[in-house]
Protein backbone atom coordinates (compact mmCIF):
# COMPACT_ATOMS: atom_id res chain seq x y z
CA UNK A 1 27.69 37.68 42.18
CA UNK A 2 28.91 37.55 38.43
CA UNK A 3 26.41 38.35 35.90
CA UNK A 4 25.80 36.28 33.05
CA UNK A 5 24.87 37.58 29.77
CA UNK A 6 23.05 35.98 27.16
CA UNK A 7 22.71 36.96 23.39
CA UNK A 8 20.12 35.31 21.04
CA UNK A 9 21.53 35.00 17.34
CA UNK A 10 19.29 34.99 14.70
CA UNK A 11 20.40 32.67 11.67
CA UNK A 12 17.58 33.33 9.63
CA UNK A 13 19.54 35.78 7.77
CA UNK A 14 21.48 32.93 6.52
CA UNK A 15 18.47 32.34 3.63
CA UNK A 16 16.92 35.23 1.84
CA UNK A 17 13.31 35.39 1.95
CA UNK A 18 13.04 34.34 -1.69
CA UNK A 19 14.75 31.43 -0.84
CA UNK A 20 12.37 30.56 1.85
CA UNK A 21 9.45 31.53 0.06
CA UNK A 22 10.25 29.46 -3.06
CA UNK A 23 11.06 26.12 -1.10
CA UNK A 24 8.05 26.63 0.98
CA UNK A 25 5.76 27.19 -2.19
CA UNK A 26 7.53 24.57 -4.96
CA UNK A 27 7.59 22.13 -1.85
CA UNK A 28 3.87 22.65 -1.37
CA UNK A 29 3.39 22.57 -5.26
CA UNK A 30 5.03 19.29 -6.07
CA UNK A 31 3.92 17.37 -3.18
CA UNK A 32 0.11 18.56 -3.91
CA UNK A 33 0.90 17.11 -7.50
CA UNK A 34 2.24 13.73 -6.22
CA UNK A 35 -0.81 13.57 -3.62
CA UNK A 36 -3.12 14.00 -6.70
CA UNK A 37 -1.53 11.51 -8.64
CA UNK A 38 -1.72 9.03 -5.49
CA UNK A 39 -5.61 9.96 -5.41
CA UNK A 40 -6.00 9.25 -9.25
CA UNK A 41 -4.32 5.67 -9.14
CA UNK A 42 -5.66 4.59 -5.94
CA UNK A 43 -8.10 1.36 -6.55
CA UNK A 44 -8.46 0.01 -3.25
CA UNK A 45 -11.14 0.98 -0.76
CA UNK A 46 -8.17 1.91 1.94
CA UNK A 47 -7.98 5.37 0.57
CA UNK A 48 -7.39 8.09 3.15
CA UNK A 49 -7.55 11.97 2.64
CA UNK A 50 -5.72 12.48 5.97
CA UNK A 51 -2.84 10.58 4.25
CA UNK A 52 -2.66 12.47 1.52
CA UNK A 53 -2.77 15.62 3.40
CA UNK A 54 0.28 14.17 5.24
CA UNK A 55 2.30 13.61 2.18
CA UNK A 56 2.19 17.10 1.33
CA UNK A 57 3.03 18.38 4.63
CA UNK A 58 5.62 15.59 4.92
CA UNK A 59 7.36 17.22 1.76
CA UNK A 60 7.09 20.65 3.16
CA UNK A 61 8.37 19.44 6.27
CA UNK A 62 11.58 17.62 4.54
CA UNK A 63 12.19 21.10 2.57
CA UNK A 64 12.38 22.85 5.97
CA UNK A 65 14.32 20.82 7.74
CA UNK A 66 17.13 20.71 4.99
CA UNK A 67 17.06 24.52 4.54
CA UNK A 68 18.02 24.60 8.39
CA UNK A 69 20.70 21.66 7.96
CA UNK A 70 22.36 23.12 5.06
CA UNK A 71 25.64 21.81 5.05
CA UNK A 72 26.26 22.22 8.73
CA UNK A 73 27.13 18.27 10.12
CA UNK A 74 26.66 19.09 13.56
CA UNK A 75 23.05 20.48 12.92
CA UNK A 76 22.73 17.09 11.16
CA UNK A 77 23.44 14.94 13.87
CA UNK A 78 21.41 16.63 16.38
CA UNK A 79 18.17 16.54 13.74
CA UNK A 80 18.85 12.62 13.78
CA UNK A 81 19.18 12.58 17.49
CA UNK A 82 15.80 14.42 17.77
CA UNK A 83 14.15 12.41 15.57
CA UNK A 84 15.26 9.57 16.49
CA UNK A 85 12.46 9.64 19.67
CA UNK A 86 9.48 9.78 17.54
CA UNK A 87 7.71 6.47 16.96
CA UNK A 88 5.21 6.15 14.33
CA UNK A 89 2.63 3.14 15.16
CA UNK A 90 0.16 3.52 12.24
CA UNK A 91 0.63 0.60 10.16
CA UNK A 92 1.07 1.09 6.25
CA UNK A 93 -2.21 -0.40 4.37
CA UNK A 94 -0.42 -0.90 0.88
CA UNK A 95 3.26 -1.11 -0.42
CA UNK A 96 2.77 1.82 -2.69
CA UNK A 97 1.79 3.93 -0.06
CA UNK A 98 5.71 3.65 1.23
CA UNK A 99 6.88 4.63 -2.26
CA UNK A 100 4.71 7.83 -1.91
CA UNK A 101 6.33 8.80 1.30
CA UNK A 102 9.74 7.97 -0.24
CA UNK A 103 8.96 10.48 -3.05
CA UNK A 104 8.07 13.55 -1.49
CA UNK A 105 10.69 12.92 1.14
CA UNK A 106 13.10 13.14 -2.02
CA UNK A 107 11.32 15.86 -3.39
CA UNK A 108 11.23 17.95 -0.15
CA UNK A 109 15.19 17.39 0.25
CA UNK A 110 16.14 18.37 -3.33
CA UNK A 111 13.97 21.57 -2.90
CA UNK A 112 15.45 22.22 0.50
CA UNK A 113 19.00 22.08 -0.75
CA UNK A 114 18.20 24.10 -3.88
CA UNK A 115 18.01 21.81 -6.55
CA UNK A 116 15.10 23.06 -7.62
CA UNK A 117 15.52 21.56 -11.51
CA UNK A 118 15.86 18.08 -10.35
CA UNK A 119 13.12 18.36 -7.89
CA UNK A 120 10.67 19.57 -10.67
CA UNK A 121 11.71 17.09 -13.33
CA UNK A 122 12.01 14.09 -11.10
CA UNK A 123 8.43 14.67 -10.16
CA UNK A 124 7.31 14.94 -13.25
CA UNK A 125 8.96 11.90 -14.76
CA UNK A 126 8.12 9.52 -11.57
CA UNK A 127 4.57 10.88 -11.70
CA UNK A 128 4.47 9.68 -15.22
CA UNK A 129 5.99 6.29 -14.84
CA UNK A 130 2.99 6.00 -12.09
CA UNK A 131 0.65 7.15 -14.64
CA UNK A 132 1.53 4.86 -16.90
CA UNK A 133 1.74 1.71 -14.91
CA UNK A 134 -1.73 2.34 -13.63
CA UNK A 135 -3.30 3.34 -17.32
CA UNK A 136 -1.89 0.04 -18.81
CA UNK A 137 -1.70 -2.24 -15.60
CA UNK A 138 1.89 -2.87 -15.94
CA UNK A 139 2.75 -6.39 -13.98
CA UNK A 140 -0.64 -7.24 -13.40
CA UNK A 141 -1.01 -11.14 -13.13
CA UNK A 142 -4.66 -11.21 -14.39
CA UNK A 143 -5.91 -14.45 -13.75
CA UNK A 144 -9.18 -14.89 -11.96
CA UNK A 145 -9.89 -17.38 -9.58
CA UNK A 146 -12.80 -18.57 -7.13
CA UNK A 147 -12.57 -19.30 -3.72
CA UNK A 148 -14.56 -22.31 -2.68
CA UNK A 149 -15.54 -23.05 0.99
CA UNK A 150 -16.86 -26.66 1.58
CA UNK A 151 -18.42 -27.58 5.07
CA UNK A 152 -18.48 -31.25 5.47
CA UNK A 153 -18.92 -33.56 8.45
CA UNK A 154 -15.63 -34.82 10.26
CA UNK A 155 -15.92 -38.32 9.93
CA UNK A 156 -15.87 -39.71 6.16
CA UNK A 157 -13.57 -39.35 3.30
CA UNK A 158 -14.89 -36.52 1.66
CA UNK A 159 -11.52 -34.83 0.54
CA UNK A 160 -11.28 -37.42 -2.64
CA UNK A 161 -14.80 -36.90 -3.61
CA UNK A 162 -14.49 -33.32 -3.83
CA UNK A 163 -11.39 -33.37 -5.92
CA UNK A 164 -12.87 -35.46 -8.19
CA UNK A 165 -15.75 -32.75 -8.50
CA UNK A 166 -13.12 -30.13 -8.89
CA UNK A 167 -11.03 -32.23 -11.78
CA UNK A 168 -14.21 -32.19 -13.70
CA UNK A 169 -15.19 -28.66 -13.49
CA UNK A 170 -12.10 -27.08 -13.14
CA UNK A 171 -8.70 -26.51 -14.79
CA UNK A 172 -6.84 -26.34 -11.71
CA UNK A 173 -7.29 -26.17 -8.12
CA UNK A 174 -5.55 -25.98 -5.07
CA UNK A 175 -6.48 -26.90 -0.99
CA UNK A 176 -5.63 -23.52 0.83
CA UNK A 177 -6.45 -24.75 4.27
CA UNK A 178 -8.40 -27.30 6.27
CA UNK A 179 -10.06 -26.00 9.69
CA UNK A 180 -12.43 -27.69 12.40
CA UNK A 181 -15.46 -25.09 13.18
CA UNK A 182 -18.50 -25.39 15.59
CA UNK A 183 -16.62 -27.41 18.02
CA UNK A 184 -15.63 -29.87 15.98
CA UNK A 185 -18.86 -30.79 14.52
CA UNK A 186 -17.92 -29.60 10.89
CA UNK A 187 -14.63 -29.53 8.75
CA UNK A 188 -14.08 -26.31 6.56
CA UNK A 189 -12.17 -26.95 3.29
CA UNK A 190 -10.99 -23.92 1.64
CA UNK A 191 -9.84 -24.09 -2.19
CA UNK A 192 -8.48 -21.64 -4.77
CA UNK A 193 -9.92 -22.81 -8.35
CA UNK A 194 -10.20 -21.78 -11.75
CA UNK A 195 -13.56 -22.82 -13.46
CA UNK A 196 -13.36 -24.47 -16.75
CA UNK A 197 -14.59 -22.37 -19.89
CA UNK A 198 -18.58 -23.00 -19.95
CA UNK A 199 -18.82 -23.91 -16.17
CA UNK A 200 -20.48 -21.47 -13.86
CA UNK A 201 -20.17 -21.26 -9.99
CA UNK A 202 -23.82 -22.59 -9.55
CA UNK A 203 -22.75 -25.66 -11.36
CA UNK A 204 -19.94 -26.25 -8.86
CA UNK A 205 -22.24 -25.38 -5.99
CA UNK A 206 -24.81 -28.10 -7.39
CA UNK A 207 -22.42 -30.73 -7.67
CA UNK A 208 -20.48 -30.10 -4.11
CA UNK A 209 -23.97 -29.78 -2.40
CA UNK A 210 -24.57 -33.39 -3.31
CA UNK A 211 -21.44 -34.84 -1.60
CA UNK A 212 -22.04 -32.62 1.74
CA UNK A 213 -24.87 -34.18 2.90
CA UNK A 214 -26.37 -30.58 2.75
CA UNK A 215 -23.83 -28.50 4.62
CA UNK A 216 -22.93 -25.28 3.39
CA UNK A 217 -21.00 -24.34 0.22
CA UNK A 218 -19.61 -21.34 -0.79
CA UNK A 219 -17.73 -19.70 -3.80
CA UNK A 220 -16.47 -16.39 -3.70
CA UNK A 221 -16.04 -15.24 -7.71
CA UNK A 222 -13.93 -12.58 -8.95
CA UNK A 223 -10.65 -13.57 -7.02
CA UNK A 224 -7.66 -12.23 -8.43
CA UNK A 225 -4.50 -14.35 -7.88
CA UNK A 226 -2.63 -10.86 -7.48
CA UNK A 227 -4.15 -10.83 -4.15
CA UNK A 228 -3.01 -13.75 -2.86
């Protein structure tokens, strides 16, 4: 019977304790700064505490992975194969969330490959850019619109009459959708409009209400074109 000897080799000595502690501490600190910037510049109601905590953990994990991989090509391919089986099914609610994910990953990679100055400078400069864009609302298209929903009977030519009212009270309008509701008993028309200066949503409701045979008219105010 042939005996088999197994020798466990610990490669931790490849890194000094100082390298490991510095990488973990710096990746945590920079990822936490990015998470704080995300929270401070978040506007919508979709804020998630778990997402921000995941950003911090992700930055530290990427830093750890880069320490493990180092310059070893075989480890890099093994890591790609291992991570290829992971599937993430949570939908990203906002496009900016993807940007923050890539940011913490890039910072984690820089720290893990011991480009400490690069990681710090990149974090500070990119976070500063985010704050400036948030503070001064860069690239915002501040065109306030209203959404108008009008329910009319399916028979009759209501579209032209509604258009006449919208021409009189709005500077521009667009028919977005036309839908049959209540089993075909009514047709719902949805428009986006910009009210003329001096016109009020109540004026629009009253004018359209006279055309719809008492059917429902809804005006949603404060609708921003950037959300279309």
